[in-house]
Amino acid sequence: MNARTPKNKTTASWLAFIGGQLGLHRLYLFGWTDLWAWAHPVVAALGWYGVERVRLHGQDDQLSWLLIPLLGFTLAGTALTAIYYGLMAPEKWNALHNPDTPDAPIGRTNWLTMGAIVLALLFGTIALMSSIAFSFQRYFEYQIEEARKISQ
């Protein structure tokens, strides 16, 4: 039986924060066969495509205001994942990712882990609130435009 490679909680937290939209944290923890790891870049690419559509077609492009929140929610979700990984109890982390070494020090929280948590909280909140604000603004502007068409 092959022993699994021990997984560091700090590394997983930073990968979720920095490379979360590429699924790097999932690849690190679960390997190349993890389907969720491959879903992250697809959803993020759709969001980036929405950003590019705004750049090319302006803010009135309806498809872009449906696609851009995908990027924001992906960024916010992976920031939340970084926070979750960083705050996980060492016993639980080692039970899930280091079952061969239950007392491994790489499952403990240190200052580098806390740095990932703080930055993920900051940027995840910004991404989430920006996505919500953009979505609602575009939705209500669209509703006002449609109401004006009906009233004329």
C-alpha atoms as a PDB file:
ATOM      1  CA  MET A   1       0.000   0.000   0.000  1.00  0.00           C
ATOM      2  CA  ASN A   2       1.404   3.389  -0.992  1.00  0.00           C
ATOM      3  CA  ALA A   3       1.772   6.009   1.694  1.00  0.00           C
ATOM      4  CA  ARG A   4       0.262   9.352   0.800  1.00  0.00           C
ATOM      5  CA  THR A   5       2.454  12.427   0.695  1.00  0.00           C
ATOM      6  CA  PRO A   6       1.827  14.615   3.766  1.00  0.00           C
ATOM      7  CA  LYS A   7      -0.071  17.818   2.979  1.00  0.00           C
ATOM      8  CA  ASN A   8       0.855  21.123   4.573  1.00  0.00           C
ATOM      9  CA  LYS A   9      -2.052  23.269   5.795  1.00  0.00           C
ATOM     10  CA  THR A  10      -0.191  26.526   5.189  1.00  0.00           C
ATOM     11  CA  THR A  11       0.643  25.551   1.606  1.00  0.00           C
ATOM     12  CA  ALA A  12      -2.957  24.548   0.926  1.00  0.00           C
ATOM     13  CA  SER A  13      -4.243  27.842   2.357  1.00  0.00           C
ATOM     14  CA  TRP A  14      -1.891  29.931   0.223  1.00  0.00           C
ATOM     15  CA  LEU A  15      -2.651  27.877  -2.891  1.00  0.00           C
ATOM     16  CA  ALA A  16      -6.380  28.366  -2.327  1.00  0.00           C
ATOM     17  CA  PHE A  17      -5.880  32.106  -1.902  1.00  0.00           C
ATOM     18  CA  ILE A  18      -3.394  32.762  -4.711  1.00  0.00           C
ATOM     19  CA  GLY A  19      -4.176  30.021  -7.233  1.00  0.00           C
ATOM     20  CA  GLY A  20      -7.704  29.150  -6.242  1.00  0.00           C
ATOM     21  CA  GLN A  21      -9.293  30.170  -9.509  1.00  0.00           C
ATOM     22  CA  LEU A  22      -6.947  27.713 -11.230  1.00  0.00           C
ATOM     23  CA  GLY A  23      -7.809  24.928  -8.787  1.00  0.00           C
ATOM     24  CA  LEU A  24      -4.228  24.624  -7.537  1.00  0.00           C
ATOM     25  CA  HIS A  25      -5.299  23.871  -3.968  1.00  0.00           C
ATOM     26  CA  ARG A  26      -7.472  20.967  -5.156  1.00  0.00           C
ATOM     27  CA  LEU A  27      -4.660  19.623  -7.328  1.00  0.00           C
ATOM     28  CA  TYR A  28      -2.292  19.839  -4.354  1.00  0.00           C
ATOM     29  CA  LEU A  29      -4.653  18.046  -1.980  1.00  0.00           C
ATOM     30  CA  PHE A  30      -6.458  15.564  -4.214  1.00  0.00           C
ATOM     31  CA  GLY A  31      -4.299  15.119  -7.303  1.00  0.00           C
ATOM     32  CA  TRP A  32      -4.738  15.454 -11.038  1.00  0.00           C
ATOM     33  CA  THR A  33      -7.876  13.310 -11.200  1.00  0.00           C
ATOM     34  CA  ASP A  34      -9.994  15.665  -9.070  1.00  0.00           C
ATOM     35  CA  LEU A  35     -12.875  16.936 -11.236  1.00  0.00           C
ATOM     36  CA  TRP A  36     -13.534  19.984  -9.017  1.00  0.00           C
ATOM     37  CA  ALA A  37      -9.950  21.097  -9.569  1.00  0.00           C
ATOM     38  CA  TRP A  38     -10.595  21.190 -13.311  1.00  0.00           C
ATOM     39  CA  ALA A  39     -13.938  22.999 -12.886  1.00  0.00           C
ATOM     40  CA  HIS A  40     -12.301  26.014 -11.200  1.00  0.00           C
ATOM     41  CA  PRO A  41     -10.400  27.306 -14.247  1.00  0.00           C
ATOM     42  CA  VAL A  42     -13.399  26.772 -16.538  1.00  0.00           C
ATOM     43  CA  VAL A  43     -15.694  28.906 -14.374  1.00  0.00           C
ATOM     44  CA  ALA A  44     -12.988  31.531 -13.839  1.00  0.00           C
ATOM     45  CA  ALA A  45     -12.312  31.660 -17.590  1.00  0.00           C
ATOM     46  CA  LEU A  46     -15.996  32.340 -18.218  1.00  0.00           C
ATOM     47  CA  GLY A  47     -15.776  35.220 -15.740  1.00  0.00           C
ATOM     48  CA  TRP A  48     -12.658  36.606 -17.414  1.00  0.00           C
ATOM     49  CA  TYR A  49     -14.455  36.315 -20.747  1.00  0.00           C
ATOM     50  CA  GLY A  50     -17.204  38.506 -19.259  1.00  0.00           C
ATOM     51  CA  VAL A  51     -14.598  41.083 -18.235  1.00  0.00           C
ATOM     52  CA  GLU A  52     -13.202  41.051 -21.777  1.00  0.00           C
ATOM     53  CA  ARG A  53     -16.714  41.498 -23.222  1.00  0.00           C
ATOM     54  CA  VAL A  54     -17.196  44.608 -21.070  1.00  0.00           C
ATOM     55  CA  ARG A  55     -13.914  45.951 -22.364  1.00  0.00           C
ATOM     56  CA  LEU A  56     -14.916  45.307 -25.984  1.00  0.00           C
ATOM     57  CA  HIS A  57     -18.661  45.995 -25.954  1.00  0.00           C
ATOM     58  CA  GLY A  58     -19.148  48.318 -22.988  1.00  0.00           C
ATOM     59  CA  GLN A  59     -21.244  47.896 -19.864  1.00  0.00           C
ATOM     60  CA  ASP A  60     -24.496  47.450 -21.777  1.00  0.00           C
ATOM     61  CA  ASP A  61     -23.540  43.933 -22.852  1.00  0.00           C
ATOM     62  CA  GLN A  62     -26.026  41.654 -21.070  1.00  0.00           C
ATOM     63  CA  LEU A  63     -23.944  38.501 -21.384  1.00  0.00           C
ATOM     64  CA  SER A  64     -21.050  40.159 -19.583  1.00  0.00           C
ATOM     65  CA  TRP A  65     -23.140  41.043 -16.554  1.00  0.00           C
ATOM     66  CA  LEU A  66     -24.077  37.385 -16.300  1.00  0.00           C
ATOM     67  CA  LEU A  67     -20.501  36.137 -16.692  1.00  0.00           C
ATOM     68  CA  ILE A  68     -18.522  38.582 -14.533  1.00  0.00           C
ATOM     69  CA  PRO A  69     -20.084  37.418 -11.241  1.00  0.00           C
ATOM     70  CA  LEU A  70     -18.786  33.910 -11.983  1.00  0.00           C
ATOM     71  CA  LEU A  71     -15.265  35.265 -11.604  1.00  0.00           C
ATOM     72  CA  GLY A  72     -16.112  37.172  -8.444  1.00  0.00           C
ATOM     73  CA  PHE A  73     -17.877  34.235  -6.840  1.00  0.00           C
ATOM     74  CA  THR A  74     -14.997  31.932  -7.773  1.00  0.00           C
ATOM     75  CA  LEU A  75     -12.517  34.317  -6.162  1.00  0.00           C
ATOM     76  CA  ALA A  76     -14.717  34.692  -3.073  1.00  0.00           C
ATOM     77  CA  GLY A  77     -15.286  30.935  -2.835  1.00  0.00           C
ATOM     78  CA  THR A  78     -11.616  30.090  -3.030  1.00  0.00           C
ATOM     79  CA  ALA A  79     -10.845  32.795  -0.469  1.00  0.00           C
ATOM     80  CA  LEU A  80     -13.411  31.153   1.803  1.00  0.00           C
ATOM     81  CA  THR A  81     -11.715  27.820   1.147  1.00  0.00           C
ATOM     82  CA  ALA A  82      -8.363  29.321   2.190  1.00  0.00           C
ATOM     83  CA  ILE A  83      -9.964  30.569   5.398  1.00  0.00           C
ATOM     84  CA  TYR A  84     -11.536  27.162   6.019  1.00  0.00           C
ATOM     85  CA  TYR A  85      -8.249  25.343   5.482  1.00  0.00           C
ATOM     86  CA  GLY A  86      -6.322  27.789   7.646  1.00  0.00           C
ATOM     87  CA  LEU A  87      -8.746  27.632  10.573  1.00  0.00           C
ATOM     88  CA  MET A  88      -9.193  23.860  10.520  1.00  0.00           C
ATOM     89  CA  ALA A  89      -8.088  22.150  13.716  1.00  0.00           C
ATOM     90  CA  PRO A  90      -4.730  20.370  13.332  1.00  0.00           C
ATOM     91  CA  GLU A  91      -6.255  17.074  14.417  1.00  0.00           C
ATOM     92  CA  LYS A  92      -8.954  17.297  11.760  1.00  0.00           C
ATOM     93  CA  TRP A  93      -6.474  18.431   9.077  1.00  0.00           C
ATOM     94  CA  ASN A  94      -4.133  15.547   9.825  1.00  0.00           C
ATOM     95  CA  ALA A  95      -7.018  13.060   9.938  1.00  0.00           C
ATOM     96  CA  LEU A  96      -8.175  14.187   6.481  1.00  0.00           C
ATOM     97  CA  HIS A  97      -4.892  14.835   4.684  1.00  0.00           C
ATOM     98  CA  ASN A  98      -2.163  13.177   6.755  1.00  0.00           C
ATOM     99  CA  PRO A  99      -3.739   9.985   8.135  1.00  0.00           C
ATOM    100  CA  ASP A 100      -0.369   8.196   8.335  1.00  0.00           C
ATOM    101  CA  THR A 101       1.054  10.857  10.673  1.00  0.00           C
ATOM    102  CA  PRO A 102      -1.746  12.120  12.959  1.00  0.00           C
ATOM    103  CA  ASP A 103       0.589  14.370  14.987  1.00  0.00           C
ATOM    104  CA  ALA A 104       2.351  15.928  11.987  1.00  0.00           C
ATOM    105  CA  PRO A 105       3.480  19.503  12.646  1.00  0.00           C
ATOM    106  CA  ILE A 106       2.548  20.488   9.070  1.00  0.00           C
ATOM    107  CA  GLY A 107      -1.103  20.413  10.125  1.00  0.00           C
ATOM    108  CA  ARG A 108      -0.623  23.166  12.676  1.00  0.00           C
ATOM    109  CA  THR A 109      -1.537  26.811  12.207  1.00  0.00           C
ATOM    110  CA  ASN A 110       1.357  29.272  12.171  1.00  0.00           C
ATOM    111  CA  TRP A 111       1.864  32.928  11.286  1.00  0.00           C
ATOM    112  CA  LEU A 112       2.147  32.228   7.568  1.00  0.00           C
ATOM    113  CA  THR A 113      -1.189  30.437   7.716  1.00  0.00           C
ATOM    114  CA  MET A 114      -2.717  33.409   9.523  1.00  0.00           C
ATOM    115  CA  GLY A 115      -1.356  35.711   6.812  1.00  0.00           C
ATOM    116  CA  ALA A 116      -3.191  33.666   4.171  1.00  0.00           C
ATOM    117  CA  ILE A 117      -6.370  33.808   6.258  1.00  0.00           C
ATOM    118  CA  VAL A 118      -6.228  37.583   6.711  1.00  0.00           C
ATOM    119  CA  LEU A 119      -5.502  38.299   3.044  1.00  0.00           C
ATOM    120  CA  ALA A 120      -8.154  35.814   1.909  1.00  0.00           C
ATOM    121  CA  LEU A 121     -10.685  37.526   4.163  1.00  0.00           C
ATOM    122  CA  LEU A 122      -9.768  40.940   2.763  1.00  0.00           C
ATOM    123  CA  PHE A 123      -9.731  40.064  -0.929  1.00  0.00           C
ATOM    124  CA  GLY A 124     -12.544  37.536  -0.729  1.00  0.00           C
ATOM    125  CA  THR A 125     -14.835  40.140   0.793  1.00  0.00           C
ATOM    126  CA  ILE A 126     -13.886  42.663  -1.880  1.00  0.00           C
ATOM    127  CA  ALA A 127     -14.538  40.127  -4.668  1.00  0.00           C
ATOM    128  CA  LEU A 128     -17.870  39.031  -3.224  1.00  0.00           C
ATOM    129  CA  MET A 129     -19.208  42.521  -2.560  1.00  0.00           C
ATOM    130  CA  SER A 130     -18.028  43.783  -5.950  1.00  0.00           C
ATOM    131  CA  SER A 131     -19.732  40.887  -7.714  1.00  0.00           C
ATOM    132  CA  ILE A 132     -22.979  41.410  -5.858  1.00  0.00           C
ATOM    133  CA  ALA A 133     -22.942  45.165  -6.456  1.00  0.00           C
ATOM    134  CA  PHE A 134     -22.152  44.783 -10.162  1.00  0.00           C
ATOM    135  CA  SER A 135     -24.843  42.134 -10.638  1.00  0.00           C
ATOM    136  CA  PHE A 136     -27.576  44.052  -8.877  1.00  0.00           C
ATOM    137  CA  GLN A 137     -26.658  47.348 -10.525  1.00  0.00           C
ATOM    138  CA  ARG A 138     -26.818  45.837 -13.998  1.00  0.00           C
ATOM    139  CA  TYR A 139     -30.007  43.945 -13.190  1.00  0.00           C
ATOM    140  CA  PHE A 140     -31.853  47.018 -11.918  1.00  0.00           C
ATOM    141  CA  GLU A 141     -30.613  49.188 -14.787  1.00  0.00           C
ATOM    142  CA  TYR A 142     -31.928  46.567 -17.182  1.00  0.00           C
ATOM    143  CA  GLN A 143     -35.285  46.531 -15.375  1.00  0.00           C
ATOM    144  CA  ILE A 144     -35.539  50.321 -15.588  1.00  0.00           C
ATOM    145  CA  GLU A 145     -34.767  50.238 -19.315  1.00  0.00           C
ATOM    146  CA  GLU A 146     -37.461  47.614 -19.878  1.00  0.00           C
ATOM    147  CA  ALA A 147     -39.967  49.599 -17.814  1.00  0.00           C
ATOM    148  CA  ARG A 148     -39.245  52.696 -19.913  1.00  0.00           C
ATOM    149  CA  LYS A 149     -39.882  50.696 -23.093  1.00  0.00           C
ATOM    150  CA  ILE A 150     -43.226  49.501 -21.744  1.00  0.00           C
ATOM    151  CA  SER A 151     -44.288  52.955 -20.552  1.00  0.00           C
ATOM    152  CA  GLN A 152     -43.659  54.620 -23.929  1.00  0.00           C
END
